[in-house]
Amino acid sequence: MSASRRMASQSENGTVVEARGLWKRYRLGEVVVEALRGVSVAVGRGEIVAIMGPSGCGKTTLLHCLSGLDDFEAGEVLLAGASLGGMSDDWKTELRARATGFVFQSYNLLPVLSAVENVELPLLLVGARGREARQRALEVLEQVGLRNRAAHRPSELSGATGNLDSEMAREVLDLICSLNANNGQTFVIVTHAPHVARRAHRILRMADGEIVGDERLAPLVLDGPAFGDAAGGTSVLRGTSALRGTSALRG
């Protein structure tokens, strides 16, 4: 069964991604670091969830495990109803391509491709036709004010830096909230910035590899399209120091 067919088995209660008893360890020489210690959390369709905590508490590790970028030693992760444990790298790659998107602190663009080519590449990899991928890429560049820079390479955008000033960070947050409200997209955001976290529906607080707080800030209204609908297409946001890491889940 392909990852795209597995996506159809998403749980009926609207959970997009869930961790159950998640453990992740790193070995640094003779020292074993427990980055995640039995973490359990569920993110519902249409939620914006912010993860906060001091450096080294496991925020980014949790984000990477939830999205299949990192493996884990024990526990289970369900992404769009599919269990990542034991899933092959090929299936995880397909699932990530179809179900998730990432905003990194560094822009992570291919330097030899133009802006529009970078944006359309993930669409081409999941089978979109060339003309369709190009049109969609131009549309999302328009959303972030880069339509007139479509032919420029990454080094020619924003002064060759991947981090954004506070005004652009606010615009990115506005775009995230707009995509959430209009498309029902789900976001998990790792941040140190309280003003970023306050734009979320929930704030998860972490310390020493554990979730120590789960605060709901706003009621969740599920009025967007269901998981896998056409509105859940790829969008491109540039990384910001305020956001640090963001996973946008199609749902």
Protein backbone atom coordinates (compact mmCIF):
# COMPACT_ATOMS: atom_id res chain seq x y z
CA MET A 1 0.00 0.00 0.00
CA SER A 2 1.39 3.42 -0.94
CA ALA A 3 1.72 6.24 1.57
CA SER A 4 -0.96 8.20 -0.29
CA ARG A 5 -3.45 5.34 0.25
CA ARG A 6 -2.41 5.10 3.89
CA MET A 7 -3.33 8.76 4.26
CA ALA A 8 -6.95 7.79 3.63
CA SER A 9 -6.93 5.88 6.94
CA GLN A 10 -6.69 9.08 8.98
CA SER A 11 -8.45 8.63 12.30
CA GLU A 12 -12.09 9.57 12.38
CA ASN A 13 -11.70 11.96 15.32
CA GLY A 14 -9.80 14.45 13.14
CA THR A 15 -6.34 13.91 14.62
CA VAL A 16 -3.70 14.77 12.03
CA VAL A 17 -0.58 13.73 13.96
CA GLU A 18 -0.15 11.93 17.26
CA ALA A 19 2.78 10.78 19.41
CA ARG A 20 2.32 7.99 21.92
CA GLY A 21 4.97 7.37 24.56
CA LEU A 22 7.74 8.74 22.34
CA TRP A 23 11.39 8.25 23.34
CA LYS A 24 14.39 9.65 21.48
CA ARG A 25 17.99 9.31 22.63
CA TYR A 26 21.25 10.73 21.32
CA ARG A 27 24.72 9.48 22.20
CA LEU A 28 27.40 12.13 22.59
CA GLY A 29 30.59 10.16 23.21
CA GLU A 30 29.98 8.28 26.45
CA VAL A 31 26.96 10.40 27.35
CA VAL A 32 23.41 9.39 26.44
CA VAL A 33 21.01 12.34 26.09
CA GLU A 34 17.30 11.61 26.44
CA ALA A 35 15.89 14.22 24.06
CA LEU A 36 12.31 12.91 24.38
CA ARG A 37 11.08 11.03 27.44
CA GLY A 38 7.77 9.29 26.88
CA VAL A 39 6.06 12.18 25.08
CA SER A 40 2.38 11.75 24.20
CA VAL A 41 0.50 14.46 22.31
CA ALA A 42 -2.19 14.72 19.64
CA VAL A 43 -2.70 17.59 17.17
CA GLY A 44 -6.16 17.95 15.71
CA ARG A 45 -7.06 18.93 12.15
CA GLY A 46 -7.07 22.70 11.80
CA GLU A 47 -5.06 23.45 14.93
CA ILE A 48 -2.15 25.86 15.23
CA VAL A 49 0.04 24.48 18.01
CA ALA A 50 3.10 26.31 19.35
CA ILE A 51 5.82 24.40 21.17
CA MET A 52 7.86 26.45 23.65
CA GLY A 53 10.63 25.75 26.13
CA PRO A 54 14.32 26.41 26.82
CA SER A 55 17.02 25.44 24.35
CA GLY A 56 17.73 21.71 24.45
CA CYS A 57 14.35 20.75 25.91
CA GLY A 58 13.38 18.61 22.90
CA LYS A 59 11.15 20.99 20.90
CA THR A 60 12.81 20.57 17.51
CA THR A 61 13.42 16.86 18.10
CA LEU A 62 9.69 16.38 18.72
CA LEU A 63 8.83 18.31 15.54
CA HIS A 64 11.25 16.18 13.51
CA CYS A 65 9.89 12.93 14.94
CA LEU A 66 6.27 13.94 14.34
CA SER A 67 7.05 14.63 10.68
CA GLY A 68 9.21 11.58 10.04
CA LEU A 69 12.49 13.46 9.64
CA ASP A 70 13.99 11.68 12.67
CA ASP A 71 13.59 8.10 13.87
CA PHE A 72 12.82 7.28 17.51
CA GLU A 73 13.72 4.46 19.89
CA ALA A 74 10.34 3.70 21.43
CA GLY A 75 6.72 4.74 21.16
CA GLU A 76 4.60 5.46 18.13
CA VAL A 77 3.90 8.34 15.75
CA LEU A 78 0.74 8.41 13.65
CA LEU A 79 0.85 10.90 10.77
CA ALA A 80 -2.37 11.16 8.77
CA GLY A 81 -3.39 7.84 10.27
CA ALA A 82 -0.21 6.06 9.13
CA SER A 83 2.23 4.66 11.69
CA LEU A 84 5.77 5.89 11.03
CA GLY A 85 7.37 3.13 13.08
CA GLY A 86 8.86 0.56 10.71
CA MET A 87 7.80 2.53 7.62
CA SER A 88 10.40 2.46 4.85
CA ASP A 89 12.30 5.62 3.97
CA ASP A 90 10.60 5.70 0.56
CA TRP A 91 7.13 5.61 2.09
CA LYS A 92 8.05 8.25 4.67
CA THR A 93 9.40 10.46 1.89
CA GLU A 94 6.16 10.13 -0.07
CA LEU A 95 4.06 10.77 3.03
CA ARG A 96 6.05 13.90 3.88
CA ALA A 97 5.77 15.14 0.31
CA ARG A 98 1.99 14.73 0.24
CA ALA A 99 1.03 15.46 3.84
CA THR A 100 3.48 18.00 5.25
CA GLY A 101 5.46 21.12 4.51
CA PHE A 102 8.35 22.69 6.40
CA VAL A 103 9.52 26.19 7.24
CA PHE A 104 13.12 25.98 8.40
CA GLN A 105 15.11 28.63 10.25
CA SER A 106 17.49 28.57 7.28
CA TYR A 107 15.80 28.69 3.91
CA ASN A 108 17.17 25.32 2.64
CA LEU A 109 16.60 26.16 -1.02
CA LEU A 110 18.57 24.68 -3.90
CA PRO A 111 21.01 27.44 -4.88
CA VAL A 112 21.13 26.56 -8.60
CA LEU A 113 17.34 26.79 -9.04
CA SER A 114 15.25 29.94 -9.29
CA ALA A 115 12.59 30.80 -6.70
CA VAL A 116 9.77 29.42 -8.82
CA GLU A 117 11.75 26.24 -9.63
CA ASN A 118 12.38 25.66 -5.92
CA VAL A 119 8.69 26.04 -5.18
CA GLU A 120 7.45 23.81 -7.99
CA LEU A 121 9.97 21.01 -7.37
CA PRO A 122 7.99 19.25 -4.59
CA LEU A 123 4.89 19.33 -6.78
CA LEU A 124 6.75 17.72 -9.67
CA LEU A 125 8.10 15.03 -7.35
CA VAL A 126 4.57 13.96 -6.39
CA GLY A 127 3.40 13.80 -9.99
CA ALA A 128 1.97 17.24 -10.82
CA ARG A 129 2.18 18.22 -14.47
CA GLY A 130 4.71 20.86 -15.39
CA ARG A 131 2.25 23.60 -16.32
CA GLU A 132 0.09 22.94 -13.24
CA ALA A 133 3.13 22.96 -10.94
CA ARG A 134 4.42 26.21 -12.43
CA GLN A 135 1.05 27.95 -12.07
CA ARG A 136 0.66 26.82 -8.45
CA ALA A 137 4.23 27.89 -7.66
CA LEU A 138 3.61 31.36 -9.06
CA GLU A 139 0.41 31.63 -7.02
CA VAL A 140 2.15 30.92 -3.72
CA LEU A 141 5.03 33.25 -4.60
CA GLU A 142 2.35 35.90 -5.08
CA GLN A 143 1.05 35.13 -1.59
CA VAL A 144 4.43 35.94 -0.03
CA GLY A 145 5.14 38.95 -2.25
CA LEU A 146 7.78 37.29 -4.41
CA ARG A 147 5.98 36.91 -7.75
CA ASN A 148 8.23 39.57 -9.29
CA ARG A 149 11.32 37.68 -8.07
CA ALA A 150 10.27 34.30 -9.47
CA ALA A 151 13.27 34.03 -11.79
CA HIS A 152 15.82 35.00 -9.11
CA ARG A 153 18.01 32.47 -7.36
CA PRO A 154 18.05 32.18 -3.54
CA SER A 155 21.23 34.23 -3.20
CA GLU A 156 19.41 37.13 -4.87
CA LEU A 157 16.45 37.09 -2.46
CA SER A 158 16.24 39.06 0.80
CA GLY A 159 19.90 39.98 0.79
CA ALA A 160 20.93 36.31 0.74
CA THR A 161 19.73 35.69 4.31
CA GLY A 162 17.26 33.08 5.48
CA ASN A 163 16.12 34.99 8.57
CA LEU A 164 13.51 37.75 8.48
CA ASP A 165 13.08 41.03 10.27
CA SER A 166 10.19 41.53 12.70
CA GLU A 167 7.87 43.07 10.11
CA MET A 168 8.31 40.16 7.69
CA ALA A 169 7.93 37.71 10.58
CA ARG A 170 4.56 39.30 11.34
CA GLU A 171 3.54 38.93 7.70
CA VAL A 172 4.53 35.26 7.75
CA LEU A 173 2.44 34.74 10.88
CA ASP A 174 -0.48 36.50 9.21
CA LEU A 175 -0.12 34.17 6.23
CA ILE A 176 -0.03 31.10 8.50
CA CYS A 177 -3.21 32.23 10.23
CA SER A 178 -4.84 32.93 6.87
CA LEU A 179 -3.97 29.48 5.51
CA ASN A 180 -5.30 27.97 8.71
CA ALA A 181 -8.57 29.91 8.59
CA ASN A 182 -9.22 29.57 4.85
CA ASN A 183 -7.79 26.13 4.06
CA GLY A 184 -8.04 24.39 7.42
CA GLN A 185 -4.30 23.68 7.39
CA THR A 186 -2.67 22.46 10.58
CA PHE A 187 0.53 24.05 11.90
CA VAL A 188 3.00 22.97 14.57
CA ILE A 189 5.42 25.81 15.37
CA VAL A 190 8.59 25.67 17.46
CA THR A 191 9.36 29.09 18.88
CA HIS A 192 10.97 31.04 21.73
CA ALA A 193 8.86 34.12 21.02
CA PRO A 194 5.76 34.65 23.21
CA HIS A 195 4.12 36.92 20.61
CA VAL A 196 4.35 34.09 18.08
CA ALA A 197 2.93 31.52 20.49
CA ARG A 198 -0.02 33.80 21.31
CA ARG A 199 -1.21 33.49 17.69
CA ALA A 200 -1.68 29.72 18.17
CA HIS A 201 -4.71 27.78 19.39
CA ARG A 202 -2.57 25.84 21.88
CA ILE A 203 0.80 26.21 23.55
CA LEU A 204 2.74 23.09 24.52
CA ARG A 205 5.52 23.76 27.01
CA MET A 206 8.49 21.40 27.20
CA ALA A 207 11.28 20.84 29.69
CA ASP A 208 13.88 18.07 29.85
CA GLY A 209 12.33 16.09 27.03
CA GLU A 210 8.80 16.11 28.45
CA ILE A 211 5.61 18.10 27.90
CA VAL A 212 4.98 19.95 31.15
CA GLY A 213 2.11 22.18 30.03
CA ASP A 214 -0.72 22.20 27.48
CA GLU A 215 -2.62 25.49 27.33
CA ARG A 216 -5.52 26.18 24.98
CA LEU A 217 -5.74 29.82 23.90
CA ALA A 218 -8.56 29.81 21.36
CA PRO A 219 -11.48 27.55 20.46
CA LEU A 220 -10.89 25.33 17.44
CA VAL A 221 -13.43 25.69 14.62
CA LEU A 222 -13.20 22.94 12.01
CA ASP A 223 -14.71 24.66 8.98
CA GLY A 224 -11.90 24.12 6.49
CA PRO A 225 -11.65 21.38 3.84
CA ALA A 226 -10.98 17.82 4.91
CA PHE A 227 -7.54 16.29 4.88
CA GLY A 228 -6.21 15.69 1.39
CA ASP A 229 -8.53 18.14 -0.39
CA ALA A 230 -7.13 20.27 -3.18
CA ALA A 231 -6.85 23.31 -0.93
CA GLY A 232 -4.07 21.57 0.98
CA GLY A 233 -1.52 22.29 -1.72
CA THR A 234 2.10 23.18 -1.22
CA SER A 235 2.86 26.66 0.07
CA VAL A 236 6.29 28.18 0.55
CA LEU A 237 7.24 30.33 3.53
CA ARG A 238 10.74 31.50 4.26
CA GLY A 239 12.24 30.61 7.66
CA THR A 240 12.30 33.19 10.43
CA SER A 241 14.26 33.45 13.64
CA ALA A 242 11.01 34.06 15.50
CA LEU A 243 9.35 30.91 14.19
CA ARG A 244 12.52 28.77 14.25
CA GLY A 245 10.80 25.68 12.85
CA THR A 246 7.36 25.11 11.49
CA SER A 247 5.64 22.04 10.14
CA ALA A 248 2.53 22.64 8.09
CA LEU A 249 0.40 19.53 7.99
CA ARG A 250 -2.11 19.10 5.19
CA GLY A 251 -5.29 18.90 7.13
